[in-house]
Amino acid sequence: MIDLSLTGCLARCGTLLKAGAILDFEMDLDDGPLSAKVRVAEASVDGAAAGDQDHGCLAGLEFLGLLPREDARLRRFLDEERRRRRSADASPR
């Protein structure tokens, strides 16, 4: 996972996904797996990882109708991550 938001994510994957495809998605959060349907918004070969056969592609995935419980879990996770990053940035070096 490269980036995660309330509406979707940017993921590194081993296969070039077809734009528009609907997929089952699962990602581990702190309190267990998050499951959702996603739509492949865009996909490309990752030039920076061209020699890495396991992670040679990028996919922009859009969440499709997260269940309310999953939406709440994702919001909590993202809020906690923001707090952690602010704390880490504010700590003396």
N, C-alpha and C. Protein backbone atom coordinates (compact mmCIF):
# COMPACT_ATOMS: atom_id res chain seq x y z
N MET A 1 0.85 -1.17 0.00
CA MET A 1 0.00 0.00 0.00
C MET A 1 0.90 1.24 0.00
N ILE A 2 0.67 2.11 -0.95
CA ILE A 2 1.46 3.33 -1.04
C ILE A 2 0.73 4.49 -0.39
N ASP A 3 -0.57 4.57 -0.62
CA ASP A 3 -1.38 5.66 -0.08
C ASP A 3 -2.77 5.13 0.19
N LEU A 4 -3.41 5.66 1.24
CA LEU A 4 -4.74 5.22 1.63
C LEU A 4 -5.57 6.42 2.04
N SER A 5 -6.81 6.47 1.58
CA SER A 5 -7.72 7.55 1.96
C SER A 5 -9.11 6.96 2.18
N LEU A 6 -10.06 7.81 2.53
CA LEU A 6 -11.44 7.35 2.73
C LEU A 6 -12.10 6.89 1.44
N THR A 7 -11.60 7.36 0.30
CA THR A 7 -12.25 7.04 -0.97
C THR A 7 -11.54 5.94 -1.76
N GLY A 8 -10.31 5.61 -1.38
CA GLY A 8 -9.59 4.57 -2.11
C GLY A 8 -8.14 4.50 -1.72
N CYS A 9 -7.35 3.91 -2.59
CA CYS A 9 -5.93 3.73 -2.28
C CYS A 9 -5.11 3.59 -3.56
N LEU A 10 -3.81 3.75 -3.39
CA LEU A 10 -2.85 3.48 -4.44
C LEU A 10 -2.05 2.28 -3.96
N ALA A 11 -2.08 1.22 -4.75
CA ALA A 11 -1.43 -0.02 -4.34
C ALA A 11 -0.41 -0.46 -5.37
N ARG A 12 0.63 -1.09 -4.88
CA ARG A 12 1.63 -1.72 -5.73
C ARG A 12 1.18 -3.18 -5.89
N CYS A 13 1.23 -3.70 -7.11
CA CYS A 13 0.80 -5.08 -7.32
C CYS A 13 1.68 -5.75 -8.36
N GLY A 14 1.59 -7.04 -8.44
CA GLY A 14 2.44 -7.81 -9.33
C GLY A 14 1.87 -7.97 -10.73
N THR A 15 0.62 -7.55 -10.94
CA THR A 15 -0.04 -7.71 -12.24
C THR A 15 -0.66 -6.39 -12.65
N LEU A 16 -0.58 -6.09 -13.91
CA LEU A 16 -1.24 -4.88 -14.42
C LEU A 16 -2.74 -5.14 -14.44
N LEU A 17 -3.48 -4.40 -13.62
CA LEU A 17 -4.92 -4.59 -13.53
C LEU A 17 -5.63 -3.83 -14.65
N LYS A 18 -6.81 -4.31 -15.01
CA LYS A 18 -7.59 -3.68 -16.08
C LYS A 18 -8.43 -2.55 -15.50
N ALA A 19 -8.27 -1.34 -16.07
CA ALA A 19 -9.07 -0.19 -15.61
C ALA A 19 -10.55 -0.52 -15.75
N GLY A 20 -11.30 -0.18 -14.70
CA GLY A 20 -12.74 -0.43 -14.69
C GLY A 20 -13.13 -1.74 -14.04
N ALA A 21 -12.18 -2.62 -13.83
CA ALA A 21 -12.48 -3.92 -13.21
C ALA A 21 -12.96 -3.72 -11.78
N ILE A 22 -13.89 -4.55 -11.36
CA ILE A 22 -14.39 -4.55 -9.99
C ILE A 22 -13.76 -5.76 -9.29
N LEU A 23 -13.14 -5.51 -8.14
CA LEU A 23 -12.41 -6.56 -7.43
C LEU A 23 -12.79 -6.62 -5.96
N ASP A 24 -12.57 -7.76 -5.35
CA ASP A 24 -12.65 -7.89 -3.90
C ASP A 24 -11.31 -7.42 -3.34
N PHE A 25 -11.36 -6.63 -2.29
CA PHE A 25 -10.16 -6.03 -1.70
C PHE A 25 -10.13 -6.37 -0.23
N GLU A 26 -8.96 -6.70 0.28
CA GLU A 26 -8.79 -6.93 1.71
C GLU A 26 -7.44 -6.38 2.13
N MET A 27 -7.45 -5.66 3.23
CA MET A 27 -6.24 -5.06 3.77
C MET A 27 -6.26 -5.18 5.29
N ASP A 28 -5.13 -5.51 5.89
CA ASP A 28 -5.06 -5.61 7.34
C ASP A 28 -4.93 -4.23 7.96
N LEU A 29 -5.85 -3.91 8.86
CA LEU A 29 -5.77 -2.72 9.70
C LEU A 29 -5.36 -3.18 11.09
N ASP A 30 -5.14 -2.24 12.00
CA ASP A 30 -4.73 -2.60 13.36
C ASP A 30 -5.70 -3.54 14.05
N ASP A 31 -7.00 -3.40 13.76
CA ASP A 31 -8.01 -4.21 14.45
C ASP A 31 -8.56 -5.35 13.59
N GLY A 32 -7.84 -5.73 12.55
CA GLY A 32 -8.26 -6.84 11.70
C GLY A 32 -8.42 -6.42 10.25
N PRO A 33 -8.81 -7.37 9.40
CA PRO A 33 -8.90 -7.07 7.97
C PRO A 33 -10.07 -6.16 7.61
N LEU A 34 -9.82 -5.29 6.65
CA LEU A 34 -10.84 -4.43 6.05
C LEU A 34 -11.20 -5.05 4.71
N SER A 35 -12.47 -5.34 4.49
CA SER A 35 -12.92 -5.94 3.23
C SER A 35 -13.82 -4.98 2.50
N ALA A 36 -13.64 -4.88 1.18
CA ALA A 36 -14.45 -3.97 0.38
C ALA A 36 -14.42 -4.39 -1.07
N LYS A 37 -15.37 -3.88 -1.83
CA LYS A 37 -15.33 -3.97 -3.28
C LYS A 37 -14.62 -2.71 -3.76
N VAL A 38 -13.77 -2.85 -4.76
CA VAL A 38 -13.07 -1.71 -5.33
C VAL A 38 -13.20 -1.72 -6.84
N ARG A 39 -13.07 -0.55 -7.42
CA ARG A 39 -13.01 -0.40 -8.87
C ARG A 39 -11.62 0.09 -9.21
N VAL A 40 -11.01 -0.51 -10.21
CA VAL A 40 -9.69 -0.07 -10.66
C VAL A 40 -9.88 1.22 -11.44
N ALA A 41 -9.51 2.35 -10.84
CA ALA A 41 -9.66 3.65 -11.49
C ALA A 41 -8.60 3.86 -12.55
N GLU A 42 -7.38 3.42 -12.25
CA GLU A 42 -6.28 3.48 -13.22
C GLU A 42 -5.21 2.49 -12.82
N ALA A 43 -4.43 2.09 -13.81
CA ALA A 43 -3.35 1.14 -13.56
C ALA A 43 -2.21 1.43 -14.51
N SER A 44 -0.99 1.20 -14.03
CA SER A 44 0.18 1.44 -14.87
C SER A 44 1.34 0.59 -14.42
N VAL A 45 2.33 0.47 -15.30
CA VAL A 45 3.58 -0.19 -14.94
C VAL A 45 4.40 0.83 -14.16
N ASP A 46 4.96 0.40 -13.03
CA ASP A 46 5.78 1.28 -12.19
C ASP A 46 7.20 1.26 -12.70
N GLY A 47 7.61 2.32 -13.37
CA GLY A 47 8.96 2.40 -13.92
C GLY A 47 10.04 2.28 -12.87
N ALA A 48 9.79 2.77 -11.65
CA ALA A 48 10.78 2.72 -10.58
C ALA A 48 11.02 1.29 -10.12
N ALA A 49 10.05 0.41 -10.34
CA ALA A 49 10.17 -0.97 -9.87
C ALA A 49 10.21 -1.95 -11.04
N ALA A 50 10.65 -1.50 -12.21
CA ALA A 50 10.59 -2.32 -13.42
C ALA A 50 11.30 -3.67 -13.25
N GLY A 51 12.38 -3.72 -12.50
CA GLY A 51 13.10 -4.97 -12.31
C GLY A 51 12.52 -5.84 -11.22
N ASP A 52 11.57 -5.36 -10.47
CA ASP A 52 10.96 -6.08 -9.35
C ASP A 52 9.70 -6.78 -9.85
N GLN A 53 9.79 -8.06 -10.14
CA GLN A 53 8.67 -8.78 -10.74
C GLN A 53 7.46 -8.86 -9.81
N ASP A 54 7.66 -8.82 -8.50
CA ASP A 54 6.54 -8.93 -7.56
C ASP A 54 5.78 -7.63 -7.40
N HIS A 55 6.40 -6.51 -7.71
CA HIS A 55 5.77 -5.22 -7.45
C HIS A 55 5.98 -4.26 -8.61
N GLY A 56 5.74 -4.71 -9.84
CA GLY A 56 6.04 -3.90 -10.99
C GLY A 56 4.92 -3.04 -11.51
N CYS A 57 3.76 -3.02 -10.83
CA CYS A 57 2.62 -2.25 -11.32
C CYS A 57 1.99 -1.44 -10.19
N LEU A 58 1.31 -0.38 -10.57
CA LEU A 58 0.56 0.45 -9.62
C LEU A 58 -0.91 0.42 -10.02
N ALA A 59 -1.77 0.49 -9.02
CA ALA A 59 -3.21 0.52 -9.28
C ALA A 59 -3.88 1.52 -8.35
N GLY A 60 -4.64 2.43 -8.94
CA GLY A 60 -5.47 3.34 -8.16
C GLY A 60 -6.82 2.67 -7.98
N LEU A 61 -7.17 2.37 -6.75
CA LEU A 61 -8.40 1.64 -6.45
C LEU A 61 -9.40 2.54 -5.73
N GLU A 62 -10.63 2.51 -6.19
CA GLU A 62 -11.70 3.33 -5.61
C GLU A 62 -12.64 2.41 -4.83
N PHE A 63 -12.86 2.75 -3.54
CA PHE A 63 -13.79 1.96 -2.73
C PHE A 63 -15.21 2.16 -3.26
N LEU A 64 -15.95 1.06 -3.34
CA LEU A 64 -17.34 1.12 -3.79
C LEU A 64 -18.25 0.76 -2.62
N GLY A 65 -18.92 1.75 -2.09
CA GLY A 65 -19.92 1.51 -1.05
C GLY A 65 -19.43 0.71 0.13
N LEU A 66 -18.45 1.24 0.85
CA LEU A 66 -18.02 0.57 2.08
C LEU A 66 -19.20 0.41 3.03
N LEU A 67 -19.30 -0.73 3.66
CA LEU A 67 -20.32 -0.91 4.69
C LEU A 67 -20.07 0.09 5.81
N PRO A 68 -21.11 0.58 6.48
CA PRO A 68 -20.92 1.59 7.53
C PRO A 68 -19.88 1.19 8.59
N ARG A 69 -19.87 -0.07 8.96
CA ARG A 69 -18.90 -0.54 9.97
C ARG A 69 -17.47 -0.44 9.42
N GLU A 70 -17.28 -0.83 8.18
CA GLU A 70 -15.95 -0.76 7.57
C GLU A 70 -15.53 0.69 7.36
N ASP A 71 -16.46 1.55 6.97
CA ASP A 71 -16.17 2.97 6.80
C ASP A 71 -15.70 3.57 8.13
N ALA A 72 -16.38 3.23 9.21
CA ALA A 72 -16.01 3.75 10.54
C ALA A 72 -14.63 3.24 10.95
N ARG A 73 -14.32 1.99 10.67
CA ARG A 73 -13.00 1.43 11.00
C ARG A 73 -11.91 2.14 10.21
N LEU A 74 -12.17 2.37 8.92
CA LEU A 74 -11.18 3.05 8.08
C LEU A 74 -10.95 4.48 8.57
N ARG A 75 -12.02 5.18 8.92
CA ARG A 75 -11.89 6.54 9.45
C ARG A 75 -11.05 6.56 10.73
N ARG A 76 -11.32 5.62 11.64
CA ARG A 76 -10.54 5.53 12.89
C ARG A 76 -9.07 5.27 12.59
N PHE A 77 -8.80 4.34 11.69
CA PHE A 77 -7.43 4.00 11.34
C PHE A 77 -6.70 5.22 10.77
N LEU A 78 -7.34 5.94 9.84
CA LEU A 78 -6.70 7.11 9.23
C LEU A 78 -6.49 8.22 10.25
N ASP A 79 -7.46 8.43 11.14
CA ASP A 79 -7.31 9.44 12.20
C ASP A 79 -6.14 9.09 13.12
N GLU A 80 -6.02 7.82 13.50
CA GLU A 80 -4.92 7.39 14.36
C GLU A 80 -3.58 7.55 13.66
N GLU A 81 -3.53 7.23 12.38
CA GLU A 81 -2.28 7.41 11.61
C GLU A 81 -1.88 8.88 11.56
N ARG A 82 -2.85 9.78 11.34
CA ARG A 82 -2.55 11.22 11.32
C ARG A 82 -1.99 11.67 12.66
N ARG A 83 -2.60 11.20 13.75
CA ARG A 83 -2.11 11.56 15.09
C ARG A 83 -0.70 11.04 15.31
N ARG A 84 -0.44 9.80 14.91
CA ARG A 84 0.90 9.22 15.07
C ARG A 84 1.94 10.03 14.31
N ARG A 85 1.59 10.41 13.09
CA ARG A 85 2.55 11.17 12.27
C ARG A 85 2.80 12.55 12.84
N ARG A 86 1.73 13.21 13.33
CA ARG A 86 1.92 14.53 13.96
C ARG A 86 2.80 14.41 15.18
N SER A 87 2.58 13.38 16.00
CA SER A 87 3.41 13.18 17.19
C SER A 87 4.85 12.91 16.82
N ALA A 88 5.07 12.11 15.80
CA ALA A 88 6.43 11.79 15.37
C ALA A 88 7.11 13.05 14.81
N ASP A 89 6.37 13.87 14.08
CA ASP A 89 6.94 15.11 13.52
C ASP A 89 7.25 16.14 14.61
N ALA A 90 6.47 16.12 15.69
CA ALA A 90 6.63 17.09 16.77
C ALA A 90 7.70 16.68 17.78
N SER A 91 8.08 15.41 17.79
CA SER A 91 9.05 14.96 18.80
C SER A 91 10.44 15.51 18.46
N PRO A 92 11.20 15.84 19.51
CA PRO A 92 12.56 16.39 19.30
C PRO A 92 13.46 15.37 18.64
N ARG A 93 14.38 15.86 17.84
CA ARG A 93 15.30 14.95 17.12
C ARG A 93 16.68 15.08 17.62
